[in-house]
Amino acid sequence: MSRNRAILGQLYFALFILYLLVPLAVMAGAAFNDSKLPTIAPWKGFTWTWFRELWADQTMWGAFLNSILVALAVVALAVPIGTAAAILLNSISGKVRATLYGFMVAPVLAPGLVIGISTVLFWNQLGRSVGADDFFLFGRGLHLSTLGQVSYISAYVMLLVLARLQSFDPGLEEAALDLGANHGQVLRRILLPHLYPAIAASAAIAFFQSMENFNVTLFTKANETTLTVYVFSQVRSGITPKINALAFLLILLTLALALVYEVNRRRRARIEAVREAEARRAEEAMLL
């Protein structure tokens, strides 16, 4: 019985991996097919044409740069806001905590087009109310795309940091305060070091959430464009394997970043294991 269960589990895992990887393999293969249609069947021969066309597409590179800038701005705003919200929620309890938690999580549940439209309406109305509706900060543009994305991406950051805070020992803060540290020192030297893994993970999630955002950006971008909006416009006018070449390069970039992260993680784990072993040997030497 247990053997059959193990076989079924392995079969399910293999089918799940195939379900994830086969579409990516087909998409990547179309980037090398000498066909004007994004397909691998029929195969008409190997070519680098679509990568050359992609390299020559200045509009795409401008959209890609805009996406990078917006994503970095979203990370710079969403990570501090979400971290501060998590620390605040962790320090209170009762109905106030539940109410604040509901308000902070609500943007995650709202559709992207609702966030995009409400962002434009809010800032336009704010500009009219202060008599500065012609000022560019209150009009549509990539800055509004950034603010609209921050309004819900910061909630993801808050959830990740809040989960990390569940493993934090409040006694460390109390001990530090009793020993004369002020609240700023406790935050910098005790709390934030404990939160760094969650903050780093939330920064990565915020960056990629911003890169793939479409609905909010579409309503707030004005005359600017980002990578997702550019791809959408290409799909409407007739998609070519140039988009497959772009997707293939993005997959390679993601895999490279994941590999760098894993190598650094294992290196830090080895260093930590060596330090723990040296500490144990030092303790044993003292006992002897």
C-alpha atoms as a PDB file:
ATOM      1  CA  MET A   1       0.000   0.000   0.000  1.00  0.00           C
ATOM      2  CA  SER A   2       2.759   2.400   0.960  1.00  0.00           C
ATOM      3  CA  ARG A   3       4.718   1.463  -2.190  1.00  0.00           C
ATOM      4  CA  ASN A   4       1.717   2.199  -4.417  1.00  0.00           C
ATOM      5  CA  ARG A   5       1.235   5.511  -2.640  1.00  0.00           C
ATOM      6  CA  ALA A   6       4.883   6.403  -3.224  1.00  0.00           C
ATOM      7  CA  ILE A   7       4.604   5.509  -6.922  1.00  0.00           C
ATOM      8  CA  LEU A   8       1.462   7.609  -7.297  1.00  0.00           C
ATOM      9  CA  GLY A   9       3.144  10.479  -5.515  1.00  0.00           C
ATOM     10  CA  GLN A  10       6.146  10.336  -7.827  1.00  0.00           C
ATOM     11  CA  LEU A  11       3.879  10.093 -10.872  1.00  0.00           C
ATOM     12  CA  TYR A  12       1.889  13.114  -9.728  1.00  0.00           C
ATOM     13  CA  PHE A  13       5.088  15.074  -9.124  1.00  0.00           C
ATOM     14  CA  ALA A  14       6.403  14.200 -12.602  1.00  0.00           C
ATOM     15  CA  LEU A  15       3.125  15.217 -14.261  1.00  0.00           C
ATOM     16  CA  PHE A  16       3.092  18.447 -12.284  1.00  0.00           C
ATOM     17  CA  ILE A  17       6.643  19.305 -13.402  1.00  0.00           C
ATOM     18  CA  LEU A  18       5.734  18.517 -17.005  1.00  0.00           C
ATOM     19  CA  TYR A  19       2.630  20.687 -16.702  1.00  0.00           C
ATOM     20  CA  LEU A  20       4.851  23.580 -15.626  1.00  0.00           C
ATOM     21  CA  LEU A  21       7.795  23.071 -17.961  1.00  0.00           C
ATOM     22  CA  VAL A  22       6.303  21.877 -21.255  1.00  0.00           C
ATOM     23  CA  PRO A  23       4.584  25.210 -22.078  1.00  0.00           C
ATOM     24  CA  LEU A  24       7.828  27.038 -21.278  1.00  0.00           C
ATOM     25  CA  ALA A  25       9.816  24.666 -23.485  1.00  0.00           C
ATOM     26  CA  VAL A  26       7.365  25.139 -26.371  1.00  0.00           C
ATOM     27  CA  MET A  27       7.476  28.899 -25.936  1.00  0.00           C
ATOM     28  CA  ALA A  28      11.279  28.922 -25.860  1.00  0.00           C
ATOM     29  CA  GLY A  29      11.516  26.633 -28.878  1.00  0.00           C
ATOM     30  CA  ALA A  30       9.383  29.000 -30.946  1.00  0.00           C
ATOM     31  CA  ALA A  31      12.034  31.711 -30.430  1.00  0.00           C
ATOM     32  CA  PHE A  32      14.470  29.616 -32.503  1.00  0.00           C
ATOM     33  CA  ASN A  33      12.069  28.465 -35.210  1.00  0.00           C
ATOM     34  CA  ASP A  34      12.437  30.113 -38.630  1.00  0.00           C
ATOM     35  CA  SER A  35       8.709  30.804 -38.861  1.00  0.00           C
ATOM     36  CA  LYS A  36       6.733  34.031 -38.710  1.00  0.00           C
ATOM     37  CA  LEU A  37       4.265  32.373 -36.364  1.00  0.00           C
ATOM     38  CA  PRO A  38       5.141  31.631 -32.698  1.00  0.00           C
ATOM     39  CA  THR A  39       5.057  27.855 -33.004  1.00  0.00           C
ATOM     40  CA  ILE A  40       7.395  24.876 -33.104  1.00  0.00           C
ATOM     41  CA  ALA A  41       5.264  22.821 -35.491  1.00  0.00           C
ATOM     42  CA  PRO A  42       6.072  22.701 -38.263  1.00  0.00           C
ATOM     43  CA  TRP A  43       9.777  23.219 -37.557  1.00  0.00           C
ATOM     44  CA  LYS A  44      11.283  25.268 -40.416  1.00  0.00           C
ATOM     45  CA  GLY A  45      14.841  25.490 -39.195  1.00  0.00           C
ATOM     46  CA  PHE A  46      17.004  27.050 -36.543  1.00  0.00           C
ATOM     47  CA  THR A  47      17.435  30.851 -36.592  1.00  0.00           C
ATOM     48  CA  TRP A  48      18.642  33.804 -34.510  1.00  0.00           C
ATOM     49  CA  THR A  49      16.447  36.222 -36.461  1.00  0.00           C
ATOM     50  CA  TRP A  50      13.973  36.922 -33.682  1.00  0.00           C
ATOM     51  CA  PHE A  51      16.719  37.734 -31.196  1.00  0.00           C
ATOM     52  CA  ARG A  52      18.249  40.173 -33.681  1.00  0.00           C
ATOM     53  CA  GLU A  53      14.867  41.828 -34.213  1.00  0.00           C
ATOM     54  CA  LEU A  54      14.384  41.996 -30.469  1.00  0.00           C
ATOM     55  CA  TRP A  55      17.792  43.631 -30.023  1.00  0.00           C
ATOM     56  CA  ALA A  56      16.922  46.244 -32.668  1.00  0.00           C
ATOM     57  CA  ASP A  57      13.532  47.080 -31.129  1.00  0.00           C
ATOM     58  CA  GLN A  58      14.247  50.361 -29.312  1.00  0.00           C
ATOM     59  CA  THR A  59      10.612  50.728 -28.221  1.00  0.00           C
ATOM     60  CA  MET A  60      10.807  47.445 -26.356  1.00  0.00           C
ATOM     61  CA  TRP A  61      14.039  48.402 -24.601  1.00  0.00           C
ATOM     62  CA  GLY A  62      12.540  51.740 -23.563  1.00  0.00           C
ATOM     63  CA  ALA A  63       9.505  49.921 -22.143  1.00  0.00           C
ATOM     64  CA  PHE A  64      11.797  47.470 -20.361  1.00  0.00           C
ATOM     65  CA  LEU A  65      13.768  50.345 -18.799  1.00  0.00           C
ATOM     66  CA  ASN A  66      10.531  51.969 -17.633  1.00  0.00           C
ATOM     67  CA  SER A  67       9.457  48.686 -16.026  1.00  0.00           C
ATOM     68  CA  ILE A  68      12.788  48.395 -14.207  1.00  0.00           C
ATOM     69  CA  LEU A  69      12.581  51.982 -12.901  1.00  0.00           C
ATOM     70  CA  VAL A  70       8.986  51.559 -11.741  1.00  0.00           C
ATOM     71  CA  ALA A  71       9.813  48.222 -10.066  1.00  0.00           C
ATOM     72  CA  LEU A  72      12.772  49.740  -8.189  1.00  0.00           C
ATOM     73  CA  ALA A  73      10.606  52.654  -7.043  1.00  0.00           C
ATOM     74  CA  VAL A  74       7.909  50.216  -5.895  1.00  0.00           C
ATOM     75  CA  VAL A  75      10.486  48.258  -3.876  1.00  0.00           C
ATOM     76  CA  ALA A  76      11.845  51.478  -2.313  1.00  0.00           C
ATOM     77  CA  LEU A  77       8.336  52.471  -1.155  1.00  0.00           C
ATOM     78  CA  ALA A  78       6.515  49.189  -0.543  1.00  0.00           C
ATOM     79  CA  VAL A  79       9.184  47.475   1.574  1.00  0.00           C
ATOM     80  CA  PRO A  80       9.442  50.208   4.275  1.00  0.00           C
ATOM     81  CA  ILE A  81       5.662  50.719   4.312  1.00  0.00           C
ATOM     82  CA  GLY A  82       4.897  47.000   4.557  1.00  0.00           C
ATOM     83  CA  THR A  83       7.599  46.403   7.175  1.00  0.00           C
ATOM     84  CA  ALA A  84       6.362  49.275   9.324  1.00  0.00           C
ATOM     85  CA  ALA A  85       2.779  47.994   9.016  1.00  0.00           C
ATOM     86  CA  ALA A  86       3.850  44.502  10.107  1.00  0.00           C
ATOM     87  CA  ILE A  87       5.729  45.847  13.135  1.00  0.00           C
ATOM     88  CA  LEU A  88       2.713  47.955  14.079  1.00  0.00           C
ATOM     89  CA  LEU A  89       0.305  45.032  13.782  1.00  0.00           C
ATOM     90  CA  ASN A  90       2.612  42.799  15.793  1.00  0.00           C
ATOM     91  CA  SER A  91       2.686  45.326  18.649  1.00  0.00           C
ATOM     92  CA  ILE A  92      -1.097  45.596  19.131  1.00  0.00           C
ATOM     93  CA  SER A  93      -3.888  43.122  19.754  1.00  0.00           C
ATOM     94  CA  GLY A  94      -7.642  42.857  19.996  1.00  0.00           C
ATOM     95  CA  LYS A  95     -10.233  44.407  17.695  1.00  0.00           C
ATOM     96  CA  VAL A  96      -7.913  47.231  16.690  1.00  0.00           C
ATOM     97  CA  ARG A  97      -5.436  44.717  15.269  1.00  0.00           C
ATOM     98  CA  ALA A  98      -8.162  42.864  13.362  1.00  0.00           C
ATOM     99  CA  THR A  99      -9.555  46.110  11.939  1.00  0.00           C
ATOM    100  CA  LEU A 100      -6.175  47.413  10.817  1.00  0.00           C
ATOM    101  CA  TYR A 101      -5.289  44.029   9.366  1.00  0.00           C
ATOM    102  CA  GLY A 102      -8.488  44.039   7.316  1.00  0.00           C
ATOM    103  CA  PHE A 103      -7.813  47.525   5.945  1.00  0.00           C
ATOM    104  CA  MET A 104      -4.225  46.653   5.027  1.00  0.00           C
ATOM    105  CA  VAL A 105      -5.088  43.388   3.294  1.00  0.00           C
ATOM    106  CA  ALA A 106      -8.109  44.798   1.429  1.00  0.00           C
ATOM    107  CA  PRO A 107      -6.090  46.122  -1.579  1.00  0.00           C
ATOM    108  CA  VAL A 108      -4.848  42.594  -2.291  1.00  0.00           C
ATOM    109  CA  LEU A 109      -8.449  41.455  -2.774  1.00  0.00           C
ATOM    110  CA  ALA A 110      -9.391  44.337  -5.071  1.00  0.00           C
ATOM    111  CA  PRO A 111      -9.149  43.819  -8.857  1.00  0.00           C
ATOM    112  CA  GLY A 112      -6.235  45.547 -10.536  1.00  0.00           C
ATOM    113  CA  LEU A 113      -8.433  47.671 -12.773  1.00  0.00           C
ATOM    114  CA  VAL A 114     -10.275  48.996  -9.702  1.00  0.00           C
ATOM    115  CA  ILE A 115      -6.964  50.003  -8.125  1.00  0.00           C
ATOM    116  CA  GLY A 116      -5.817  51.627 -11.369  1.00  0.00           C
ATOM    117  CA  ILE A 117      -9.006  53.647 -11.886  1.00  0.00           C
ATOM    118  CA  SER A 118      -9.263  54.658  -8.234  1.00  0.00           C
ATOM    119  CA  THR A 119      -5.619  55.777  -8.219  1.00  0.00           C
ATOM    120  CA  VAL A 120      -6.195  58.089 -11.189  1.00  0.00           C
ATOM    121  CA  LEU A 121      -9.460  59.469  -9.777  1.00  0.00           C
ATOM    122  CA  PHE A 122      -7.995  60.056  -6.315  1.00  0.00           C
ATOM    123  CA  TRP A 123      -4.927  61.973  -7.472  1.00  0.00           C
ATOM    124  CA  ASN A 124      -6.864  63.974 -10.059  1.00  0.00           C
ATOM    125  CA  GLN A 125      -9.424  64.964  -7.440  1.00  0.00           C
ATOM    126  CA  LEU A 126      -6.662  65.798  -4.956  1.00  0.00           C
ATOM    127  CA  GLY A 127      -5.033  68.043  -7.550  1.00  0.00           C
ATOM    128  CA  ARG A 128      -8.319  69.873  -8.165  1.00  0.00           C
ATOM    129  CA  SER A 129      -8.968  70.314  -4.452  1.00  0.00           C
ATOM    130  CA  VAL A 130      -5.601  72.018  -3.909  1.00  0.00           C
ATOM    131  CA  GLY A 131      -5.861  74.049  -7.113  1.00  0.00           C
ATOM    132  CA  ALA A 132      -2.951  72.267  -8.814  1.00  0.00           C
ATOM    133  CA  ASP A 133      -4.731  69.962 -11.246  1.00  0.00           C
ATOM    134  CA  ASP A 134      -2.295  71.000 -14.024  1.00  0.00           C
ATOM    135  CA  PHE A 135       0.724  69.982 -11.925  1.00  0.00           C
ATOM    136  CA  PHE A 136       2.294  66.840 -13.398  1.00  0.00           C
ATOM    137  CA  LEU A 137       2.391  64.952 -10.079  1.00  0.00           C
ATOM    138  CA  PHE A 138      -1.417  64.857 -10.023  1.00  0.00           C
ATOM    139  CA  GLY A 139      -1.723  63.661 -13.597  1.00  0.00           C
ATOM    140  CA  ARG A 140      -1.307  60.249 -15.166  1.00  0.00           C
ATOM    141  CA  GLY A 141       2.186  58.879 -15.639  1.00  0.00           C
ATOM    142  CA  LEU A 142       4.613  56.285 -14.386  1.00  0.00           C
ATOM    143  CA  HIS A 143       4.668  57.964 -10.955  1.00  0.00           C
ATOM    144  CA  LEU A 144       0.971  57.129 -10.577  1.00  0.00           C
ATOM    145  CA  SER A 145       1.704  53.585 -11.744  1.00  0.00           C
ATOM    146  CA  THR A 146       4.237  53.346  -8.932  1.00  0.00           C
ATOM    147  CA  LEU A 147       1.823  54.688  -6.301  1.00  0.00           C
ATOM    148  CA  GLY A 148      -0.993  52.445  -7.499  1.00  0.00           C
ATOM    149  CA  GLN A 149       1.192  49.347  -7.330  1.00  0.00           C
ATOM    150  CA  VAL A 150       2.546  50.274  -3.902  1.00  0.00           C
ATOM    151  CA  SER A 151      -1.008  50.442  -2.558  1.00  0.00           C
ATOM    152  CA  TYR A 152      -1.381  46.662  -2.828  1.00  0.00           C
ATOM    153  CA  ILE A 153       2.175  45.307  -3.120  1.00  0.00           C
ATOM    154  CA  SER A 154       2.973  46.737   0.326  1.00  0.00           C
ATOM    155  CA  ALA A 155       0.302  44.367   1.669  1.00  0.00           C
ATOM    156  CA  TYR A 156       2.321  41.382   0.385  1.00  0.00           C
ATOM    157  CA  VAL A 157       5.385  42.777   2.145  1.00  0.00           C
ATOM    158  CA  MET A 158       3.382  43.205   5.333  1.00  0.00           C
ATOM    159  CA  LEU A 159       2.190  39.585   5.254  1.00  0.00           C
ATOM    160  CA  LEU A 160       5.710  38.193   4.737  1.00  0.00           C
ATOM    161  CA  VAL A 161       7.285  40.322   7.469  1.00  0.00           C
ATOM    162  CA  LEU A 162       4.396  39.620   9.837  1.00  0.00           C
ATOM    163  CA  ALA A 163       4.926  35.872   9.363  1.00  0.00           C
ATOM    164  CA  ARG A 164       8.624  36.311  10.199  1.00  0.00           C
ATOM    165  CA  LEU A 165       7.740  38.281  13.322  1.00  0.00           C
ATOM    166  CA  GLN A 166       5.880  35.270  14.722  1.00  0.00           C
ATOM    167  CA  SER A 167       9.261  33.619  15.389  1.00  0.00           C
ATOM    168  CA  PHE A 168      10.727  36.679  17.112  1.00  0.00           C
ATOM    169  CA  ASP A 169      11.243  36.521  20.892  1.00  0.00           C
ATOM    170  CA  PRO A 170       9.960  39.759  22.502  1.00  0.00           C
ATOM    171  CA  GLY A 171      12.172  38.995  25.492  1.00  0.00           C
ATOM    172  CA  LEU A 172      15.178  40.078  23.428  1.00  0.00           C
ATOM    173  CA  GLU A 173      13.761  43.585  23.123  1.00  0.00           C
ATOM    174  CA  GLU A 174      12.989  43.760  26.837  1.00  0.00           C
ATOM    175  CA  ALA A 175      16.477  42.553  27.733  1.00  0.00           C
ATOM    176  CA  ALA A 176      18.085  45.137  25.443  1.00  0.00           C
ATOM    177  CA  LEU A 177      15.981  47.939  26.919  1.00  0.00           C
ATOM    178  CA  ASP A 178      16.852  46.813  30.449  1.00  0.00           C
ATOM    179  CA  LEU A 179      20.540  46.939  29.533  1.00  0.00           C
ATOM    180  CA  GLY A 180      20.255  50.574  28.454  1.00  0.00           C
ATOM    181  CA  ALA A 181      19.579  50.407  24.719  1.00  0.00           C
ATOM    182  CA  ASN A 182      17.090  52.875  23.283  1.00  0.00           C
ATOM    183  CA  HIS A 183      14.265  51.905  20.935  1.00  0.00           C
ATOM    184  CA  GLY A 184      16.211  52.925  17.836  1.00  0.00           C
ATOM    185  CA  GLN A 185      19.122  50.680  18.788  1.00  0.00           C
ATOM    186  CA  VAL A 186      16.765  47.779  19.492  1.00  0.00           C
ATOM    187  CA  LEU A 187      15.210  48.256  16.068  1.00  0.00           C
ATOM    188  CA  ARG A 188      18.527  48.444  14.200  1.00  0.00           C
ATOM    189  CA  ARG A 189      20.509  45.787  16.073  1.00  0.00           C
ATOM    190  CA  ILE A 190      17.915  43.231  17.179  1.00  0.00           C
ATOM    191  CA  LEU A 191      14.616  43.444  15.316  1.00  0.00           C
ATOM    192  CA  LEU A 192      15.724  44.324  11.781  1.00  0.00           C
ATOM    193  CA  PRO A 193      18.511  41.694  11.624  1.00  0.00           C
ATOM    194  CA  HIS A 194      15.887  39.096  12.494  1.00  0.00           C
ATOM    195  CA  LEU A 195      13.623  40.444   9.721  1.00  0.00           C
ATOM    196  CA  TYR A 196      16.283  40.700   7.003  1.00  0.00           C
ATOM    197  CA  PRO A 197      15.408  37.342   5.323  1.00  0.00           C
ATOM    198  CA  ALA A 198      11.728  38.307   5.106  1.00  0.00           C
ATOM    199  CA  ILE A 199      12.589  41.831   3.949  1.00  0.00           C
ATOM    200  CA  ALA A 200      14.858  40.479   1.207  1.00  0.00           C
ATOM    201  CA  ALA A 201      12.207  37.999   0.069  1.00  0.00           C
ATOM    202  CA  SER A 202       9.492  40.669   0.100  1.00  0.00           C
ATOM    203  CA  ALA A 203      11.729  43.019  -1.914  1.00  0.00           C
ATOM    204  CA  ALA A 204      12.162  40.331  -4.585  1.00  0.00           C
ATOM    205  CA  ILE A 205       8.421  39.625  -4.642  1.00  0.00           C
ATOM    206  CA  ALA A 206       7.633  43.347  -4.852  1.00  0.00           C
ATOM    207  CA  PHE A 207      10.046  43.754  -7.761  1.00  0.00           C
ATOM    208  CA  PHE A 208       8.603  40.896  -9.811  1.00  0.00           C
ATOM    209  CA  GLN A 209       5.011  41.795  -8.921  1.00  0.00           C
ATOM    210  CA  SER A 210       5.678  45.257 -10.314  1.00  0.00           C
ATOM    211  CA  MET A 211       7.422  43.922 -13.426  1.00  0.00           C
ATOM    212  CA  GLU A 212       4.425  41.760 -14.335  1.00  0.00           C
ATOM    213  CA  ASN A 213       1.759  44.312 -13.430  1.00  0.00           C
ATOM    214  CA  PHE A 214      -0.594  45.237 -16.241  1.00  0.00           C
ATOM    215  CA  ASN A 215      -4.015  46.442 -15.076  1.00  0.00           C
ATOM    216  CA  VAL A 216      -2.856  49.221 -12.761  1.00  0.00           C
ATOM    217  CA  THR A 217      -0.203  50.382 -15.218  1.00  0.00           C
ATOM    218  CA  LEU A 218      -2.598  50.417 -18.172  1.00  0.00           C
ATOM    219  CA  PHE A 219      -4.892  52.956 -16.484  1.00  0.00           C
ATOM    220  CA  THR A 220      -2.180  55.165 -14.980  1.00  0.00           C
ATOM    221  CA  LYS A 221       0.698  55.229 -17.487  1.00  0.00           C
ATOM    222  CA  ALA A 222      -0.508  58.093 -19.757  1.00  0.00           C
ATOM    223  CA  ASN A 223       1.781  58.268 -22.823  1.00  0.00           C
ATOM    224  CA  GLU A 224       4.516  56.121 -21.270  1.00  0.00           C
ATOM    225  CA  THR A 225       4.698  52.372 -21.681  1.00  0.00           C
ATOM    226  CA  THR A 226       6.063  49.419 -19.757  1.00  0.00           C
ATOM    227  CA  LEU A 227       7.060  45.939 -20.824  1.00  0.00           C
ATOM    228  CA  THR A 228       3.699  44.307 -20.098  1.00  0.00           C
ATOM    229  CA  VAL A 229       1.812  47.046 -21.927  1.00  0.00           C
ATOM    230  CA  TYR A 230       4.229  46.744 -24.843  1.00  0.00           C
ATOM    231  CA  VAL A 231       3.682  42.978 -25.069  1.00  0.00           C
ATOM    232  CA  PHE A 232      -0.084  43.552 -24.942  1.00  0.00           C
ATOM    233  CA  SER A 233       0.130  46.016 -27.816  1.00  0.00           C
ATOM    234  CA  GLN A 234       2.184  43.513 -29.833  1.00  0.00           C
ATOM    235  CA  VAL A 235      -0.371  40.778 -29.214  1.00  0.00           C
ATOM    236  CA  ARG A 236      -3.174  43.032 -30.457  1.00  0.00           C
ATOM    237  CA  SER A 237      -1.327  43.945 -33.660  1.00  0.00           C
ATOM    238  CA  GLY A 238      -0.148  40.401 -34.385  1.00  0.00           C
ATOM    239  CA  ILE A 239       2.337  38.522 -32.247  1.00  0.00           C
ATOM    240  CA  THR A 240       5.649  37.349 -33.686  1.00  0.00           C
ATOM    241  CA  PRO A 241       8.317  35.017 -32.248  1.00  0.00           C
ATOM    242  CA  LYS A 242      10.157  38.156 -31.148  1.00  0.00           C
ATOM    243  CA  ILE A 243       7.982  38.044 -28.032  1.00  0.00           C
ATOM    244  CA  ASN A 244       9.040  34.430 -27.501  1.00  0.00           C
ATOM    245  CA  ALA A 245      12.670  35.538 -27.674  1.00  0.00           C
ATOM    246  CA  LEU A 246      11.961  38.180 -25.029  1.00  0.00           C
ATOM    247  CA  ALA A 247      10.245  35.619 -22.777  1.00  0.00           C
ATOM    248  CA  PHE A 248      13.161  33.200 -23.222  1.00  0.00           C
ATOM    249  CA  LEU A 249      15.657  35.858 -22.127  1.00  0.00           C
ATOM    250  CA  LEU A 250      13.524  36.730 -19.099  1.00  0.00           C
ATOM    251  CA  ILE A 251      13.408  33.059 -18.099  1.00  0.00           C
ATOM    252  CA  LEU A 252      17.196  32.848 -18.366  1.00  0.00           C
ATOM    253  CA  LEU A 253      17.538  35.991 -16.239  1.00  0.00           C
ATOM    254  CA  THR A 254      15.208  34.577 -13.587  1.00  0.00           C
ATOM    255  CA  LEU A 255      17.095  31.266 -13.493  1.00  0.00           C
ATOM    256  CA  ALA A 256      20.424  33.092 -13.206  1.00  0.00           C
ATOM    257  CA  LEU A 257      19.165  35.177 -10.279  1.00  0.00           C
ATOM    258  CA  ALA A 258      17.760  32.083  -8.574  1.00  0.00           C
ATOM    259  CA  LEU A 259      21.087  30.287  -9.048  1.00  0.00           C
ATOM    260  CA  VAL A 260      23.034  33.210  -7.574  1.00  0.00           C
ATOM    261  CA  TYR A 261      20.652  33.321  -4.601  1.00  0.00           C
ATOM    262  CA  GLU A 262      20.970  29.571  -3.971  1.00  0.00           C
ATOM    263  CA  VAL A 263      24.765  29.651  -4.199  1.00  0.00           C
ATOM    264  CA  ASN A 264      24.928  32.540  -1.724  1.00  0.00           C
ATOM    265  CA  ARG A 265      22.465  30.803   0.596  1.00  0.00           C
ATOM    266  CA  ARG A 266      24.510  27.624   0.667  1.00  0.00           C
ATOM    267  CA  ARG A 267      27.721  29.594   1.185  1.00  0.00           C
ATOM    268  CA  ARG A 268      26.207  31.420   4.159  1.00  0.00           C
ATOM    269  CA  ALA A 269      24.916  28.114   5.538  1.00  0.00           C
ATOM    270  CA  ARG A 270      28.407  26.599   5.325  1.00  0.00           C
ATOM    271  CA  ILE A 271      29.951  29.616   7.028  1.00  0.00           C
ATOM    272  CA  GLU A 272      27.354  29.449   9.785  1.00  0.00           C
ATOM    273  CA  ALA A 273      27.940  25.728  10.254  1.00  0.00           C
ATOM    274  CA  VAL A 274      31.706  26.308  10.539  1.00  0.00           C
ATOM    275  CA  ARG A 275      31.160  29.047  13.113  1.00  0.00           C
ATOM    276  CA  GLU A 276      28.847  26.836  15.166  1.00  0.00           C
ATOM    277  CA  ALA A 277      31.372  23.986  15.036  1.00  0.00           C
ATOM    278  CA  GLU A 278      34.189  26.302  16.156  1.00  0.00           C
ATOM    279  CA  ALA A 279      32.013  27.624  18.976  1.00  0.00           C
ATOM    280  CA  ARG A 280      31.259  24.083  20.157  1.00  0.00           C
ATOM    281  CA  ARG A 281      34.938  23.148  20.064  1.00  0.00           C
ATOM    282  CA  ALA A 282      35.801  26.267  22.041  1.00  0.00           C
ATOM    283  CA  GLU A 283      33.198  25.372  24.680  1.00  0.00           C
ATOM    284  CA  GLU A 284      34.495  21.818  24.921  1.00  0.00           C
ATOM    285  CA  ALA A 285      38.047  23.104  25.273  1.00  0.00           C
ATOM    286  CA  MET A 286      36.998  25.401  28.113  1.00  0.00           C
ATOM    287  CA  LEU A 287      35.267  22.520  29.896  1.00  0.00           C
ATOM    288  CA  LEU A 288      38.378  20.382  29.621  1.00  0.00           C
END
